[in-house]
């Protein structure tokens, strides 16, 4: 468990964390280097817990998983401090409580002991633990790269399931803010493109609300932490079947729906 005044240090492993900790000896920090390292699943679980529990998150040199952690921190109402010295992600200004382009600016800000608002935000889980209720799949948010193949699959799914609504993410702040309105987040990462950072941010918001994520990562080398955040993994070739076959996202019901589909596929191939 994190101390209630801890700062969670988000970012790539570039050695910056030691400099921050040394510059702010009066502060308490949650350092991902201290988390369980035996498996990615345990590491991701610990890191997301710190992002959710710490009232302040400080992100520097954000990597792929950093955006998921930032999304979780913001969703939980924690104060996000972003140091974007590469100036590659201007959309982060929409989500950051404090935005800087130099690390010394963030350190000076914290040395001033700013009076940041206390976080009393209550988070609702879409699929609470132990739930036996029917969890319908009605609204699907599509994020990441919009390719012709993906667009074709979604059009087919709309015709096959007119009762189901599909939305492409066109406004990151709006979709992030309204993520609880969706039942499933579909994320598309083609192998010839970098991981879309806005989609990663949405993954953090979905994770915070316990909304299922269907991940399509076509890179030859998968990004392990993203794999741990997702509910299911697939390719574009089988996305249509999932979006049209699954009716109940309760984990046991979803597995049953998919099993029936797999059975039909096996019978079709034998015939």
Protein backbone atom coordinates (compact mmCIF):
# COMPACT_ATOMS: atom_id res chain seq x y z
CA UNK A 1 0.00 0.00 0.00
CA UNK A 2 1.21 3.51 -0.79
CA UNK A 3 1.53 6.18 1.86
CA UNK A 4 -1.23 8.75 1.52
CA UNK A 5 1.26 11.52 0.65
CA UNK A 6 3.48 9.54 -1.73
CA UNK A 7 4.49 10.65 -5.21
CA UNK A 8 4.37 7.86 -7.76
CA UNK A 9 7.30 8.07 -10.19
CA UNK A 10 6.18 7.23 -13.72
CA UNK A 11 8.48 6.94 -16.70
CA UNK A 12 11.10 4.96 -18.55
CA UNK A 13 14.08 3.53 -16.72
CA UNK A 14 16.57 6.31 -17.49
CA UNK A 15 18.00 6.93 -14.00
CA UNK A 16 15.95 10.07 -13.43
CA UNK A 17 14.17 8.66 -10.39
CA UNK A 18 17.29 8.79 -8.21
CA UNK A 19 17.81 12.45 -9.12
CA UNK A 20 14.23 13.32 -8.21
CA UNK A 21 14.35 11.45 -4.89
CA UNK A 22 17.68 13.09 -4.01
CA UNK A 23 16.36 16.57 -4.87
CA UNK A 24 13.26 16.15 -2.69
CA UNK A 25 14.43 14.40 0.52
CA UNK A 26 11.39 15.60 2.47
CA UNK A 27 9.00 13.80 0.11
CA UNK A 28 7.82 10.18 0.14
CA UNK A 29 7.96 8.28 -3.14
CA UNK A 30 6.46 5.15 -4.64
CA UNK A 31 9.13 3.72 -6.92
CA UNK A 32 8.22 1.02 -9.49
CA UNK A 33 11.72 -0.40 -9.09
CA UNK A 34 10.57 -1.61 -5.67
CA UNK A 35 7.63 -3.60 -7.05
CA UNK A 36 7.46 -7.35 -7.61
CA UNK A 37 9.67 -8.26 -10.56
CA UNK A 38 9.01 -11.99 -10.99
CA UNK A 39 6.34 -11.52 -13.66
CA UNK A 40 4.91 -8.74 -15.78
CA UNK A 41 1.41 -9.43 -14.46
CA UNK A 42 2.52 -8.81 -10.86
CA UNK A 43 4.57 -5.76 -11.80
CA UNK A 44 1.70 -4.19 -13.74
CA UNK A 45 -0.75 -4.90 -10.92
CA UNK A 46 1.55 -3.22 -8.40
CA UNK A 47 2.26 -0.23 -10.63
CA UNK A 48 -1.39 0.43 -11.41
CA UNK A 49 -2.20 0.17 -7.72
CA UNK A 50 0.42 2.84 -6.97
CA UNK A 51 -0.92 5.04 -9.78
CA UNK A 52 -4.39 4.76 -8.29
CA UNK A 53 -3.45 5.21 -4.63
CA UNK A 54 -0.79 7.93 -4.69
CA UNK A 55 -2.28 11.45 -4.60
CA UNK A 56 0.48 12.72 -6.90
CA UNK A 57 2.01 11.10 -9.98
CA UNK A 58 5.13 12.52 -11.59
CA UNK A 59 5.76 11.40 -15.18
CA UNK A 60 9.12 12.01 -16.87
CA UNK A 61 10.27 10.59 -20.23
CA UNK A 62 6.95 8.71 -20.47
CA UNK A 63 7.17 5.38 -22.25
CA UNK A 64 4.38 3.18 -23.62
CA UNK A 65 3.16 1.82 -20.28
CA UNK A 66 3.58 5.24 -18.69
CA UNK A 67 0.51 6.45 -20.58
CA UNK A 68 -1.58 3.61 -19.15
CA UNK A 69 -0.41 4.53 -15.64
CA UNK A 70 -1.10 8.22 -16.25
CA UNK A 71 -4.59 7.36 -17.45
CA UNK A 72 -5.25 5.38 -14.27
CA UNK A 73 -3.88 8.17 -12.05
CA UNK A 74 -6.01 10.88 -13.68
CA UNK A 75 -9.14 8.72 -13.64
CA UNK A 76 -8.72 8.30 -9.90
CA UNK A 77 -8.52 12.07 -9.49
CA UNK A 78 -4.84 12.19 -8.55
CA UNK A 79 -2.69 15.20 -9.43
CA UNK A 80 -0.60 14.40 -12.51
CA UNK A 81 2.65 16.29 -13.02
CA UNK A 82 4.03 15.80 -16.51
CA UNK A 83 7.54 16.68 -17.60
CA UNK A 84 7.44 16.38 -21.37
CA UNK A 85 10.89 17.61 -22.33
CA UNK A 86 10.61 15.96 -25.74
CA UNK A 87 7.46 18.03 -26.42
CA UNK A 88 6.06 15.12 -28.42
CA UNK A 89 2.77 14.76 -26.57
CA UNK A 90 1.03 18.14 -26.35
CA UNK A 91 -2.32 16.43 -25.66
CA UNK A 92 -1.00 15.59 -22.19
CA UNK A 93 -1.62 19.21 -21.20
CA UNK A 94 -5.33 18.36 -21.29
CA UNK A 95 -4.88 15.77 -18.54
CA UNK A 96 -2.00 17.06 -16.44
CA UNK A 97 -2.66 19.04 -13.30
CA UNK A 98 0.79 20.57 -13.83
CA UNK A 99 2.71 20.49 -17.12
CA UNK A 100 6.40 21.32 -17.55
CA UNK A 101 9.05 20.90 -20.22
CA UNK A 102 12.02 20.74 -17.83
CA UNK A 103 12.56 18.50 -14.81
CA UNK A 104 13.97 21.31 -12.65
CA UNK A 105 10.67 23.17 -13.10
CA UNK A 106 8.72 20.24 -11.65
CA UNK A 107 11.21 19.86 -8.79
CA UNK A 108 10.99 23.58 -7.94
CA UNK A 109 7.21 23.29 -8.06
CA UNK A 110 7.25 20.45 -5.52
CA UNK A 111 9.84 22.18 -3.33
CA UNK A 112 7.32 24.99 -2.98
CA UNK A 113 5.01 22.51 -1.23
CA UNK A 114 1.98 23.41 -3.34
CA UNK A 115 -1.42 23.06 -1.73
CA UNK A 116 -2.88 20.46 -4.04
CA UNK A 117 -6.55 19.49 -3.65
CA UNK A 118 -7.26 16.35 -1.67
CA UNK A 119 -8.54 13.48 -3.77
CA UNK A 120 -11.95 12.29 -2.62
CA UNK A 121 -13.04 10.87 -5.96
CA UNK A 122 -14.99 7.63 -5.84
CA UNK A 123 -14.42 5.28 -8.75
CA UNK A 124 -17.17 3.01 -10.03
CA UNK A 125 -16.15 -0.34 -11.42
CA UNK A 126 -17.97 -1.50 -14.53
CA UNK A 127 -17.54 -5.14 -13.59
CA UNK A 128 -17.22 -5.29 -9.79
CA UNK A 129 -15.55 -8.31 -8.24
CA UNK A 130 -17.89 -11.17 -7.49
CA UNK A 131 -20.60 -9.92 -9.83
CA UNK A 132 -22.94 -12.58 -11.18
CA UNK A 133 -25.13 -10.15 -13.07
CA UNK A 134 -25.59 -9.95 -16.81
CA UNK A 135 -23.06 -7.53 -18.29
CA UNK A 136 -24.31 -6.61 -21.77
CA UNK A 137 -22.00 -5.60 -24.59
CA UNK A 138 -23.84 -2.60 -26.02
CA UNK A 139 -21.34 0.18 -26.66
CA UNK A 140 -17.85 -0.40 -28.04
CA UNK A 141 -15.12 2.25 -28.26
CA UNK A 142 -12.47 1.74 -30.97
CA UNK A 143 -9.05 3.32 -30.41
CA UNK A 144 -5.54 3.17 -31.80
CA UNK A 145 -4.80 3.08 -35.53
CA UNK A 146 -7.80 3.29 -37.84
CA UNK A 147 -6.84 1.10 -40.79
CA UNK A 148 -8.93 0.09 -43.81
CA UNK A 149 -9.02 -3.47 -42.44
CA UNK A 150 -10.35 -2.30 -39.08
CA UNK A 151 -12.94 -0.02 -40.66
CA UNK A 152 -14.16 -2.89 -42.83
CA UNK A 153 -14.56 -5.19 -39.83
CA UNK A 154 -16.51 -2.58 -37.87
CA UNK A 155 -18.86 -1.94 -40.81
CA UNK A 156 -19.55 -5.68 -41.06
CA UNK A 157 -20.16 -5.86 -37.31
CA UNK A 158 -22.60 -2.94 -37.47
CA UNK A 159 -24.64 -4.77 -40.11
CA UNK A 160 -24.55 -8.08 -38.24
CA UNK A 161 -25.39 -6.51 -34.88
CA UNK A 162 -27.57 -3.42 -35.42
CA UNK A 163 -28.39 -3.55 -31.70
CA UNK A 164 -24.76 -2.77 -30.88
CA UNK A 165 -23.12 0.64 -31.16
CA UNK A 166 -19.53 1.18 -32.31
CA UNK A 167 -17.65 4.44 -31.87
CA UNK A 168 -14.23 5.45 -33.16
CA UNK A 169 -12.24 7.66 -30.81
CA UNK A 170 -12.05 11.10 -32.43
CA UNK A 171 -11.66 13.29 -29.34
CA UNK A 172 -9.29 11.87 -26.74
CA UNK A 173 -10.40 14.14 -23.89
CA UNK A 174 -14.10 13.52 -24.51
CA UNK A 175 -13.72 9.76 -24.79
CA UNK A 176 -11.40 9.62 -21.78
CA UNK A 177 -13.86 11.60 -19.68
CA UNK A 178 -16.80 9.47 -20.80
CA UNK A 179 -15.06 6.08 -20.76
CA UNK A 180 -17.54 4.68 -18.22
CA UNK A 181 -20.29 4.92 -20.85
CA UNK A 182 -18.63 2.15 -22.86
CA UNK A 183 -18.73 -1.58 -22.24
CA UNK A 184 -15.61 -2.59 -24.18
CA UNK A 185 -12.47 -0.84 -25.38
CA UNK A 186 -10.93 -2.18 -28.59
CA UNK A 187 -7.30 -1.14 -29.17
CA UNK A 188 -5.53 -1.58 -32.50
CA UNK A 189 -1.72 -1.45 -32.73
CA UNK A 190 -0.51 -2.37 -36.26
CA UNK A 191 2.97 -3.83 -36.47
CA UNK A 192 4.31 -1.10 -38.73
CA UNK A 193 3.43 1.78 -36.39
CA UNK A 194 4.46 2.86 -32.91
CA UNK A 195 2.06 2.13 -30.07
CA UNK A 196 -0.56 4.88 -30.10
CA UNK A 197 -0.11 6.83 -26.85
CA UNK A 198 -3.65 8.18 -26.75
CA UNK A 199 -4.99 4.63 -26.94
CA UNK A 200 -2.66 3.69 -24.07
CA UNK A 201 -4.10 6.55 -22.03
CA UNK A 202 -7.60 5.18 -22.68
CA UNK A 203 -6.40 1.75 -21.57
CA UNK A 204 -5.46 3.28 -18.21
CA UNK A 205 -8.89 4.87 -17.84
CA UNK A 206 -10.62 1.62 -18.80
CA UNK A 207 -8.48 -0.34 -16.36
CA UNK A 208 -9.36 2.07 -13.55
CA UNK A 209 -13.07 1.47 -14.17
CA UNK A 210 -12.63 -2.29 -14.69
CA UNK A 211 -13.78 -2.03 -18.29
CA UNK A 212 -12.65 -4.90 -20.49
CA UNK A 213 -9.98 -4.25 -23.12
CA UNK A 214 -9.67 -6.23 -26.35
CA UNK A 215 -6.12 -5.77 -27.60
CA UNK A 216 -4.82 -6.28 -31.12
CA UNK A 217 -1.05 -5.85 -31.06
CA UNK A 218 0.46 -6.89 -34.37
CA UNK A 219 4.06 -6.09 -33.46
CA UNK A 220 6.50 -8.98 -33.75
CA UNK A 221 7.74 -8.10 -30.27
CA UNK A 222 4.76 -7.53 -28.01
CA UNK A 223 4.89 -4.93 -25.25
CA UNK A 224 4.48 -7.16 -22.17
CA UNK A 225 2.80 -4.66 -19.77
CA UNK A 226 0.08 -3.90 -22.32
CA UNK A 227 -0.61 -7.61 -22.65
CA UNK A 228 -1.14 -7.79 -18.89
CA UNK A 229 -3.70 -4.94 -18.90
CA UNK A 230 -5.93 -6.41 -21.62
CA UNK A 231 -8.80 -8.85 -21.07
CA UNK A 232 -8.36 -10.64 -24.39
CA UNK A 233 -5.96 -10.61 -27.31
CA UNK A 234 -6.81 -11.23 -30.94
CA UNK A 235 -5.92 -10.29 -34.50
CA UNK A 236 -7.90 -8.24 -36.98
CA UNK A 237 -8.89 -11.49 -38.70
CA UNK A 238 -11.01 -12.69 -35.78
CA UNK A 239 -12.19 -9.34 -34.38
CA UNK A 240 -15.52 -9.62 -36.21
CA UNK A 241 -16.35 -12.89 -34.47
CA UNK A 242 -15.72 -11.45 -31.01
CA UNK A 243 -17.74 -8.31 -31.65
CA UNK A 244 -20.71 -10.27 -32.94
CA UNK A 245 -20.61 -13.50 -30.90
CA UNK A 246 -20.14 -12.19 -27.35
CA UNK A 247 -23.30 -10.95 -25.63
CA UNK A 248 -22.43 -11.07 -21.93
CA UNK A 249 -19.09 -9.71 -20.67
CA UNK A 250 -19.34 -11.49 -17.35
CA UNK A 251 -16.11 -13.47 -17.55
CA UNK A 252 -17.71 -16.90 -17.29
CA UNK A 253 -20.44 -16.01 -19.79
CA UNK A 254 -17.94 -14.49 -22.22
CA UNK A 255 -15.89 -17.68 -22.09
CA UNK A 256 -19.03 -19.72 -22.77
CA UNK A 257 -19.95 -17.53 -25.79
CA UNK A 258 -16.46 -17.93 -27.22
CA UNK A 259 -16.45 -21.69 -26.58
CA UNK A 260 -19.65 -22.08 -28.59
CA UNK A 261 -18.09 -20.15 -31.44
CA UNK A 262 -14.93 -22.28 -31.35
CA UNK A 263 -17.08 -25.43 -31.42
CA UNK A 264 -18.97 -24.23 -34.49
CA UNK A 265 -15.68 -23.35 -36.19
CA UNK A 266 -14.29 -26.82 -35.56
CA UNK A 267 -17.43 -28.47 -36.90
CA UNK A 268 -17.35 -26.23 -39.98
CA UNK A 269 -13.74 -27.16 -40.71
CA UNK A 270 -14.47 -30.88 -40.37
CA UNK A 271 -17.37 -30.72 -42.82
